[in-house]
Amino acid sequence: MKLLKSFQTRFLYHPFLTGFLAALAAGLVLTLCLFVPAFPELRYDISDGISLLDIVQYLTLLVLMFLAMSGFLVYPLILTVSEILFFLWIPARPDFQKRSRSVDITAVVLAVPYSLLYLSLLKNVVFAADWPVTLYNLSRHTPLYTDALPTLLVIAAAAALGYITVNFIPLSKMPPLLMTVGLAAMYLGTLESILFGIQVFDLQTFELLDCLLLLLPLNCILITARTVFVKVREWKRFSPAFVPLKIGHVPVLNRLNSFLQNADRWPFAAFLLMWPLLGIFIGILLLFGQAPDSVIKAWTETSGWNLSRRVSPQNLTYDEHYLCTVAAGGHEQVVKPLRLGVRHGHEVIVNRQLCIANAFEQILEERLPRFHRLVRNFYDTFGFPIARLIKSRCIADMIYFLMKPLEWFFVLVLYLTDPRPESRIALQYTGKTLKDFSAG
């Protein structure tokens, strides 16, 4: 019991430092547990042939794994555990509320980019792609309707301002009505985070790591609930020494201010005030072009998520033939896609450059089969890695222009060796050849 009280006191006095050191320690242990079994050669004696370069490589990999484990896996969990401990301990010791602010801010500020990064890297989410956009392979549409993002950002900013108002302004200088407005703004931000968690957490494809997506709403709930408990208790403890401030010369607001002198009314009053506050935000955003129902469309005008109400076009498939990637991934006015074709049993987007390259390969295969095998082997060796690097339209455009001299050379060869070069080019990726037509 004494050990628990000692840890509780030290944690509450230095919560940020304690959590940071705990994340480093846990990250190191987890890294060693995962790293050592994965590389059995580390258990060999140096005399068995481990060079200095091998040791440097292993140590570099160990450091990178440690940073990834500590920073992106363990630390978010440590922050959430800290918020749970704050929720359990601080309401009984409200004087430590100020010491939790650094952890609160870190937990929420990091949770947002971490969640987006997780969805982007592990769930293949393309945040710029709304539901009508045709995607490729395993890519997924954004869970947040892009046209409604200003509404979501304003609500998040209001929640942050509400937290700052409630936690950084002394109660002696704050009217209860302002306190209630700040709590109402925090309610809105918490509700938004809960909707985000509901939207992206899929039980049907559940994986243990997906629980990281629930840390943002969980932390927001803990922070908001603890703040309400602490401020209500703090007001009850010190309110006899406070003199209520008048809000201008508005009788209604002053009567409301007097009504809120009873802190037990704050949680429910903030819940009631949350809705007109949301209405004010919607009205202001309406002047800037946001739809009045943007707060709903943000979740429903999406495809493939829990709150989605749209059905997006079926994803197209392109393989890692890097000219296929260029034809599908570049800007239309640059790569000039012509039509859909068929390659290896699935649809691909075809442009003239791709058709010419494939027609040239056919000529090589027919006239110089041995040389074709060498070229094919070289292309398979270097083309696939290049395709994986084409992550943007601009890179695809650049590859398209770099291939232009080869494209002209291929055309020259086709016109010198084939009696009907354009027919051969036109039939690429159609599943047909010139023999099919001549047989008819």
Protein backbone atom coordinates (compact mmCIF):
# COMPACT_ATOMS: atom_id res chain seq x y z
CA MET A 1 0.00 0.00 0.00
CA LYS A 2 2.82 2.36 0.88
CA LEU A 3 4.54 1.50 -2.40
CA LEU A 4 1.36 2.36 -4.33
CA LYS A 5 0.99 5.68 -2.52
CA SER A 6 4.65 6.47 -3.17
CA PHE A 7 4.24 5.74 -6.89
CA GLN A 8 1.01 7.75 -6.99
CA THR A 9 2.66 10.79 -5.44
CA ARG A 10 5.75 10.63 -7.66
CA PHE A 11 3.63 10.08 -10.77
CA LEU A 12 1.34 13.02 -10.01
CA TYR A 13 4.31 15.30 -9.36
CA HIS A 14 6.12 14.32 -12.58
CA PRO A 15 3.54 12.71 -14.90
CA PHE A 16 5.09 13.70 -18.22
CA LEU A 17 8.63 12.63 -17.30
CA THR A 18 7.40 9.40 -15.69
CA GLY A 19 5.36 8.47 -18.76
CA PHE A 20 8.21 9.30 -21.13
CA LEU A 21 10.73 7.18 -19.22
CA ALA A 22 8.22 4.34 -18.91
CA ALA A 23 7.71 4.41 -22.70
CA LEU A 24 11.47 4.21 -23.30
CA ALA A 25 11.88 1.31 -20.87
CA ALA A 26 8.90 -0.64 -22.22
CA GLY A 27 9.96 0.07 -25.80
CA LEU A 28 13.45 -1.28 -25.12
CA VAL A 29 12.12 -4.49 -23.54
CA LEU A 30 9.64 -5.04 -26.36
CA THR A 31 12.29 -4.38 -29.00
CA LEU A 32 14.69 -6.89 -27.48
CA CYS A 33 11.93 -9.50 -27.18
CA LEU A 34 11.09 -9.11 -30.88
CA PHE A 35 14.56 -8.49 -32.27
CA VAL A 36 16.68 -11.25 -30.77
CA PRO A 37 14.48 -14.24 -31.75
CA ALA A 38 14.12 -12.82 -35.27
CA PHE A 39 17.90 -12.90 -35.83
CA PRO A 40 19.33 -16.15 -34.54
CA GLU A 41 22.70 -15.35 -36.06
CA LEU A 42 23.17 -12.81 -33.28
CA ARG A 43 23.67 -15.75 -30.94
CA TYR A 44 26.67 -16.97 -32.90
CA ASP A 45 30.15 -16.26 -31.68
CA ILE A 46 32.10 -13.55 -33.41
CA SER A 47 34.59 -16.24 -34.37
CA ASP A 48 31.90 -17.85 -36.54
CA GLY A 49 32.10 -15.02 -39.00
CA ILE A 50 30.14 -11.95 -37.79
CA SER A 51 31.91 -8.91 -39.18
CA LEU A 52 32.02 -5.40 -37.80
CA LEU A 53 29.69 -4.31 -40.62
CA ASP A 54 27.15 -6.95 -39.56
CA ILE A 55 27.27 -5.70 -35.98
CA VAL A 56 26.76 -2.09 -37.11
CA GLN A 57 23.80 -3.14 -39.28
CA TYR A 58 22.19 -5.08 -36.45
CA LEU A 59 22.68 -2.21 -34.00
CA THR A 60 21.21 0.26 -36.50
CA LEU A 61 18.18 -1.95 -37.01
CA LEU A 62 17.86 -2.36 -33.26
CA VAL A 63 17.85 1.42 -32.74
CA LEU A 64 15.27 1.96 -35.48
CA MET A 65 13.02 -0.75 -34.02
CA PHE A 66 13.44 0.79 -30.56
CA LEU A 67 12.43 4.24 -31.79
CA ALA A 68 9.43 2.84 -33.69
CA MET A 69 8.26 0.71 -30.76
CA SER A 70 8.75 3.44 -28.16
CA GLY A 71 7.41 6.34 -30.18
CA PHE A 72 4.58 4.84 -32.21
CA LEU A 73 3.36 1.84 -30.22
CA VAL A 74 4.29 2.08 -26.54
CA TYR A 75 4.09 5.84 -25.95
CA PRO A 76 0.46 6.24 -27.08
CA LEU A 77 -0.48 3.39 -24.73
CA ILE A 78 1.50 4.96 -21.87
CA LEU A 79 -0.27 8.28 -22.42
CA THR A 80 -3.65 6.53 -22.27
CA VAL A 81 -2.66 4.67 -19.09
CA SER A 82 -1.62 8.04 -17.63
CA GLU A 83 -5.03 9.49 -18.47
CA ILE A 84 -6.72 6.54 -16.75
CA LEU A 85 -4.60 7.11 -13.62
CA PHE A 86 -5.42 10.83 -13.70
CA PHE A 87 -9.11 9.98 -13.93
CA LEU A 88 -8.84 7.71 -10.88
CA TRP A 89 -6.59 9.86 -8.70
CA ILE A 90 -6.92 13.55 -9.54
CA PRO A 91 -10.63 14.06 -8.66
CA ALA A 92 -9.68 13.27 -5.06
CA ARG A 93 -6.61 15.55 -5.30
CA PRO A 94 -7.65 18.42 -7.62
CA ASP A 95 -4.52 20.39 -6.77
CA PHE A 96 -2.66 18.11 -9.19
CA GLN A 97 -4.93 18.98 -12.13
CA LYS A 98 -2.42 21.52 -13.45
CA ARG A 99 0.28 18.85 -13.66
CA SER A 100 -1.86 16.75 -16.00
CA ARG A 101 -2.15 19.44 -18.66
CA SER A 102 1.10 18.57 -20.46
CA VAL A 103 0.02 14.92 -20.72
CA ASP A 104 -3.50 15.92 -21.85
CA ILE A 105 -2.20 18.08 -24.66
CA THR A 106 0.41 15.52 -25.75
CA ALA A 107 -2.12 12.67 -25.73
CA VAL A 108 -4.60 14.47 -27.99
CA VAL A 109 -2.11 16.27 -30.24
CA LEU A 110 -0.21 13.05 -30.99
CA ALA A 111 -3.31 10.86 -31.26
CA VAL A 112 -4.60 12.74 -34.32
CA PRO A 113 -1.54 12.36 -36.62
CA TYR A 114 -0.87 8.86 -35.24
CA SER A 115 -4.40 7.76 -36.17
CA LEU A 116 -4.14 9.28 -39.63
CA LEU A 117 -0.72 7.71 -40.15
CA TYR A 118 -2.01 4.31 -39.02
CA LEU A 119 -4.95 4.49 -41.43
CA SER A 120 -2.75 5.64 -44.29
CA LEU A 121 0.06 3.09 -43.89
CA LEU A 122 -1.72 0.01 -42.56
CA LYS A 123 -5.24 0.47 -43.94
CA ASN A 124 -4.26 1.97 -47.34
CA VAL A 125 -6.52 4.99 -46.83
CA VAL A 126 -6.24 7.79 -49.39
CA PHE A 127 -7.50 10.82 -47.45
CA ALA A 128 -7.78 13.01 -50.53
CA ALA A 129 -10.12 10.54 -52.29
CA ASP A 130 -13.86 10.94 -51.66
CA TRP A 131 -16.26 8.11 -52.43
CA PRO A 132 -16.85 8.88 -56.18
CA VAL A 133 -13.12 8.59 -56.97
CA THR A 134 -11.97 5.36 -58.56
CA LEU A 135 -9.07 3.86 -56.62
CA TYR A 136 -6.67 1.05 -57.37
CA ASN A 137 -5.80 -2.29 -55.80
CA LEU A 138 -6.30 -2.25 -51.99
CA SER A 139 -6.64 1.51 -51.56
CA ARG A 140 -9.58 2.78 -49.47
CA HIS A 141 -11.52 6.02 -49.64
CA THR A 142 -11.28 8.65 -46.95
CA PRO A 143 -13.43 8.10 -43.83
CA LEU A 144 -13.98 11.89 -43.64
CA TYR A 145 -15.82 13.72 -46.40
CA THR A 146 -13.29 16.28 -47.61
CA ASP A 147 -15.83 19.03 -48.33
CA ALA A 148 -16.96 18.87 -44.68
CA LEU A 149 -13.47 19.04 -43.20
CA PRO A 150 -13.77 22.77 -42.33
CA THR A 151 -16.72 21.95 -40.07
CA LEU A 152 -14.78 19.21 -38.29
CA LEU A 153 -11.72 21.43 -37.92
CA VAL A 154 -13.75 24.29 -36.43
CA ILE A 155 -15.33 21.95 -33.88
CA ALA A 156 -11.92 20.54 -32.97
CA ALA A 157 -10.48 24.05 -32.61
CA ALA A 158 -13.44 25.08 -30.42
CA ALA A 159 -12.87 22.03 -28.21
CA ALA A 160 -9.19 22.93 -27.84
CA LEU A 161 -10.12 26.52 -26.97
CA GLY A 162 -12.68 25.23 -24.47
CA TYR A 163 -10.03 23.05 -22.79
CA ILE A 164 -7.62 25.99 -22.57
CA THR A 165 -10.33 28.25 -21.16
CA VAL A 166 -11.45 25.78 -18.51
CA ASN A 167 -7.99 24.64 -17.42
CA PHE A 168 -5.80 27.74 -17.75
CA ILE A 169 -8.08 30.53 -16.47
CA PRO A 170 -8.42 30.62 -12.66
CA LEU A 171 -11.95 30.10 -11.34
CA SER A 172 -11.72 33.39 -9.47
CA LYS A 173 -11.61 35.21 -12.82
CA MET A 174 -14.16 33.11 -14.70
CA PRO A 175 -17.97 33.48 -14.68
CA PRO A 176 -19.78 30.13 -14.39
CA LEU A 177 -21.41 30.77 -17.77
CA LEU A 178 -17.99 30.94 -19.44
CA MET A 179 -17.05 27.75 -17.65
CA THR A 180 -20.18 26.06 -18.99
CA VAL A 181 -19.48 27.27 -22.54
CA GLY A 182 -15.95 25.87 -22.30
CA LEU A 183 -17.25 22.51 -21.10
CA ALA A 184 -19.85 22.51 -23.89
CA ALA A 185 -17.08 23.02 -26.45
CA MET A 186 -15.15 20.13 -24.92
CA TYR A 187 -18.30 18.00 -25.16
CA LEU A 188 -18.47 18.75 -28.89
CA GLY A 189 -14.84 17.77 -29.42
CA THR A 190 -15.32 14.57 -27.44
CA LEU A 191 -18.43 13.70 -29.45
CA GLU A 192 -16.51 14.27 -32.66
CA SER A 193 -13.71 11.95 -31.49
CA ILE A 194 -16.25 9.26 -30.56
CA LEU A 195 -17.80 9.46 -34.04
CA PHE A 196 -14.33 9.15 -35.55
CA GLY A 197 -13.70 6.00 -33.49
CA ILE A 198 -17.05 4.53 -34.52
CA GLN A 199 -16.34 5.35 -38.16
CA VAL A 200 -12.92 3.75 -38.47
CA PHE A 201 -13.02 0.83 -36.00
CA ASP A 202 -14.23 -2.21 -37.93
CA LEU A 203 -15.12 -5.30 -35.90
CA GLN A 204 -15.46 -7.41 -39.05
CA THR A 205 -11.78 -7.00 -39.94
CA PHE A 206 -10.61 -6.62 -36.35
CA GLU A 207 -6.91 -6.78 -35.63
CA LEU A 208 -5.36 -6.16 -32.24
CA LEU A 209 -3.41 -3.13 -33.47
CA ASP A 210 -6.70 -1.53 -34.58
CA CYS A 211 -7.35 -0.77 -30.91
CA LEU A 212 -4.87 2.08 -31.33
CA LEU A 213 -7.60 3.86 -33.31
CA LEU A 214 -9.72 3.97 -30.14
CA LEU A 215 -7.10 5.82 -28.09
CA LEU A 216 -8.16 9.25 -29.36
CA PRO A 217 -11.83 8.98 -28.32
CA LEU A 218 -10.87 7.21 -25.06
CA ASN A 219 -8.43 9.97 -24.10
CA CYS A 220 -10.94 12.69 -24.97
CA ILE A 221 -13.61 11.03 -22.82
CA LEU A 222 -11.23 10.66 -19.86
CA ILE A 223 -9.96 14.24 -20.13
CA THR A 224 -13.44 15.75 -20.40
CA ALA A 225 -14.94 13.66 -17.58
CA ARG A 226 -12.02 14.35 -15.26
CA THR A 227 -12.11 18.08 -16.01
CA VAL A 228 -15.82 18.24 -15.15
CA PHE A 229 -15.34 16.38 -11.85
CA VAL A 230 -12.35 18.49 -10.83
CA LYS A 231 -13.88 21.87 -11.68
CA VAL A 232 -17.17 21.08 -9.95
CA ARG A 233 -15.34 20.01 -6.79
CA GLU A 234 -12.97 22.96 -6.99
CA TRP A 235 -15.88 25.41 -7.30
CA LYS A 236 -17.66 23.88 -4.32
CA ARG A 237 -14.49 24.17 -2.27
CA PHE A 238 -13.63 27.78 -3.04
CA SER A 239 -16.88 29.42 -4.20
CA PRO A 240 -17.59 31.22 -0.88
CA ALA A 241 -14.47 33.30 -1.48
CA PHE A 242 -15.46 34.16 -5.06
CA VAL A 243 -17.55 37.13 -6.06
CA PRO A 244 -19.68 36.38 -9.14
CA LEU A 245 -18.77 38.60 -12.07
CA LYS A 246 -21.51 40.38 -13.99
CA ILE A 247 -21.69 39.79 -17.72
CA GLY A 248 -22.24 43.23 -19.16
CA HIS A 249 -25.75 44.63 -18.64
CA VAL A 250 -27.76 41.70 -20.00
CA PRO A 251 -30.31 40.58 -17.36
CA VAL A 252 -30.89 37.17 -18.97
CA LEU A 253 -27.21 36.30 -18.97
CA ASN A 254 -26.79 37.51 -15.42
CA ARG A 255 -29.75 35.39 -14.24
CA LEU A 256 -28.25 32.42 -16.08
CA ASN A 257 -24.92 33.18 -14.46
CA SER A 258 -26.57 33.17 -11.03
CA PHE A 259 -28.32 29.89 -11.83
CA LEU A 260 -24.96 28.34 -12.61
CA GLN A 261 -23.51 29.26 -9.23
CA ASN A 262 -24.52 25.74 -8.27
CA ALA A 263 -21.69 23.70 -9.79
CA ASP A 264 -23.73 20.49 -9.73
CA ARG A 265 -25.69 21.92 -12.65
CA TRP A 266 -22.66 22.43 -14.85
CA PRO A 267 -22.42 19.00 -16.52
CA PHE A 268 -26.08 18.98 -17.58
CA ALA A 269 -26.07 22.69 -18.44
CA ALA A 270 -23.01 22.17 -20.64
CA PHE A 271 -24.80 19.31 -22.41
CA LEU A 272 -27.80 21.56 -23.12
CA LEU A 273 -25.58 24.44 -24.21
CA MET A 274 -23.61 22.16 -26.56
CA TRP A 275 -26.45 22.11 -29.12
CA PRO A 276 -26.99 25.87 -29.56
CA LEU A 277 -23.19 26.24 -29.62
CA LEU A 278 -23.08 23.74 -32.48
CA GLY A 279 -25.86 25.69 -34.19
CA ILE A 280 -23.81 28.88 -33.92
CA PHE A 281 -20.83 27.17 -35.54
CA ILE A 282 -22.99 25.80 -38.36
CA GLY A 283 -24.51 29.24 -38.96
CA ILE A 284 -21.09 30.89 -39.17
CA LEU A 285 -19.70 28.17 -41.43
CA LEU A 286 -22.76 28.55 -43.66
CA LEU A 287 -21.47 32.00 -44.56
CA PHE A 288 -18.22 30.40 -45.75
CA GLY A 289 -19.86 27.88 -48.06
CA GLN A 290 -20.34 24.92 -45.74
CA ALA A 291 -23.62 23.01 -46.06
CA PRO A 292 -25.88 23.17 -42.98
CA ASP A 293 -25.70 19.38 -42.66
CA SER A 294 -21.92 19.17 -43.10
CA VAL A 295 -21.55 17.85 -39.56
CA ILE A 296 -23.57 14.78 -40.69
CA LYS A 297 -22.21 14.53 -44.23
CA ALA A 298 -18.68 14.43 -42.84
CA TRP A 299 -19.37 10.83 -41.83
CA THR A 300 -22.11 9.65 -44.18
CA GLU A 301 -20.78 10.96 -47.52
CA THR A 302 -18.16 8.25 -47.45
CA SER A 303 -17.85 4.68 -48.64
CA GLY A 304 -16.69 1.52 -46.91
CA TRP A 305 -16.85 2.75 -43.32
CA ASN A 306 -19.28 2.14 -40.45
CA LEU A 307 -21.29 5.35 -40.89
CA SER A 308 -21.00 5.48 -44.69
CA ARG A 309 -24.09 5.81 -46.89
CA ARG A 310 -22.41 5.77 -50.30
CA VAL A 311 -21.19 3.00 -52.56
CA SER A 312 -17.99 3.83 -54.36
CA PRO A 313 -16.91 2.51 -57.78
CA GLN A 314 -15.13 -0.82 -57.71
CA ASN A 315 -11.37 -0.49 -57.36
CA LEU A 316 -9.40 -1.01 -60.55
CA THR A 317 -6.41 -3.28 -60.42
CA TYR A 318 -3.08 -2.47 -61.90
CA ASP A 319 -0.10 -4.73 -61.50
CA GLU A 320 3.41 -3.63 -60.78
CA HIS A 321 4.37 -3.47 -64.42
CA TYR A 322 5.61 0.07 -64.05
CA LEU A 323 4.27 1.36 -67.37
CA CYS A 324 0.83 0.17 -66.24
CA THR A 325 1.38 2.19 -63.08
CA VAL A 326 2.28 5.25 -65.17
CA ALA A 327 -0.80 4.88 -67.39
CA ALA A 328 -3.08 4.55 -64.35
CA GLY A 329 -1.37 6.95 -61.97
CA GLY A 330 -0.41 10.02 -64.02
CA HIS A 331 -2.43 13.12 -64.78
CA GLU A 332 -4.87 12.42 -67.61
CA GLN A 333 -3.78 15.42 -69.68
CA VAL A 334 -0.19 14.12 -69.54
CA VAL A 335 -0.31 10.31 -69.85
CA LYS A 336 -3.49 10.41 -71.98
CA PRO A 337 -5.28 7.17 -71.00
CA LEU A 338 -7.18 5.64 -73.91
CA ARG A 339 -9.34 2.84 -72.51
CA LEU A 340 -9.50 -0.13 -70.17
CA GLY A 341 -7.59 -3.24 -71.12
CA VAL A 342 -6.99 -6.70 -69.71
CA ARG A 343 -3.68 -7.91 -68.33
CA HIS A 344 -3.17 -11.11 -66.34
CA GLY A 345 -6.91 -11.50 -65.95
CA HIS A 346 -7.72 -8.07 -64.54
CA GLU A 347 -8.53 -4.64 -65.88
CA VAL A 348 -5.81 -2.06 -66.41
CA ILE A 349 -5.84 1.47 -67.75
CA VAL A 350 -4.11 1.65 -71.12
CA ASN A 351 -2.45 4.55 -72.89
CA ARG A 352 -0.62 4.63 -76.23
CA GLN A 353 2.84 4.47 -74.66
CA LEU A 354 1.94 1.24 -72.89
CA CYS A 355 0.46 -0.29 -76.04
CA ILE A 356 3.53 0.62 -78.08
CA ALA A 357 5.88 -0.88 -75.49
CA ASN A 358 3.89 -4.11 -75.38
CA ALA A 359 3.68 -4.31 -79.18
CA PHE A 360 7.45 -3.88 -79.36
CA GLU A 361 7.86 -6.72 -76.85
CA GLN A 362 5.69 -8.93 -79.04
CA ILE A 363 7.96 -8.23 -82.00
CA LEU A 364 11.00 -9.17 -79.93
CA GLU A 365 9.32 -12.35 -78.74
CA GLU A 366 8.44 -13.36 -82.31
CA ARG A 367 11.70 -12.43 -84.04
CA LEU A 368 14.37 -12.69 -81.30
CA PRO A 369 13.07 -15.01 -78.58
CA ARG A 370 16.39 -15.45 -76.77
CA PHE A 371 17.08 -11.74 -76.67
CA HIS A 372 13.47 -11.21 -75.53
CA ARG A 373 14.03 -13.45 -72.51
CA LEU A 374 17.05 -11.39 -71.49
CA VAL A 375 15.11 -8.13 -71.88
CA ARG A 376 12.13 -9.58 -70.01
CA ASN A 377 14.33 -10.72 -67.15
CA PHE A 378 15.96 -7.28 -66.91
CA TYR A 379 12.57 -5.55 -67.02
CA ASP A 380 11.09 -7.81 -64.33
CA THR A 381 14.14 -7.25 -62.13
CA PHE A 382 14.11 -3.45 -62.26
CA GLY A 383 10.60 -2.55 -63.39
CA PHE A 384 8.76 -3.87 -60.35
CA PRO A 385 10.90 -1.98 -57.78
CA ILE A 386 10.51 1.19 -59.84
CA ALA A 387 6.73 0.74 -59.87
CA ARG A 388 6.65 0.64 -56.07
CA LEU A 389 8.31 4.07 -55.99
CA ILE A 390 5.57 5.66 -58.12
CA LYS A 391 3.45 7.08 -55.30
CA SER A 392 2.18 10.29 -56.89
CA ARG A 393 0.83 11.61 -60.18
CA CYS A 394 3.85 13.86 -60.63
CA ILE A 395 6.29 10.94 -60.46
CA ALA A 396 4.15 9.00 -62.95
CA ASP A 397 4.21 12.02 -65.27
CA MET A 398 7.99 12.23 -64.99
CA ILE A 399 8.39 8.52 -65.87
CA TYR A 400 6.08 9.06 -68.84
CA PHE A 401 8.31 11.83 -70.23
CA LEU A 402 11.51 9.86 -69.53
CA MET A 403 10.09 6.95 -71.53
CA LYS A 404 9.30 9.13 -74.56
CA PRO A 405 12.63 8.55 -76.43
CA LEU A 406 12.22 4.78 -75.96
CA GLU A 407 8.62 5.04 -77.15
CA TRP A 408 9.77 6.73 -80.37
CA PHE A 409 12.40 4.04 -80.87
CA PHE A 410 9.77 1.32 -80.36
CA VAL A 411 7.51 2.97 -82.94
CA LEU A 412 10.38 3.13 -85.45
CA VAL A 413 11.10 -0.58 -84.97
CA LEU A 414 7.41 -1.47 -85.33
CA TYR A 415 7.05 0.51 -88.56
CA LEU A 416 10.20 -1.10 -89.98
CA THR A 417 9.28 -4.68 -89.10
CA ASP A 418 5.48 -5.00 -89.06
CA PRO A 419 3.22 -4.58 -92.12
CA ARG A 420 0.34 -3.35 -89.94
CA PRO A 421 1.97 -1.63 -86.93
CA GLU A 422 -1.02 0.46 -85.89
CA SER A 423 -3.31 -2.57 -85.88
CA ARG A 424 -0.85 -4.41 -83.64
CA ILE A 425 -0.68 -1.39 -81.30
CA ALA A 426 -4.47 -1.00 -81.17
CA LEU A 427 -5.01 -4.67 -80.21
CA GLN A 428 -2.73 -4.61 -77.18
CA TYR A 429 -4.46 -5.57 -73.90
CA THR A 430 -7.71 -6.45 -75.70
CA GLY A 431 -7.21 -10.19 -75.48
CA LYS A 432 -7.15 -10.30 -79.31
CA THR A 433 -4.39 -10.64 -81.88
CA LEU A 434 -4.19 -10.11 -85.64
CA LYS A 435 -4.54 -13.88 -86.11
CA ASP A 436 -7.98 -13.79 -84.54
CA PHE A 437 -9.19 -11.43 -87.25
CA SER A 438 -7.40 -13.11 -90.13
CA ALA A 439 -8.91 -16.46 -89.10
CA GLY A 440 -12.36 -14.97 -89.44
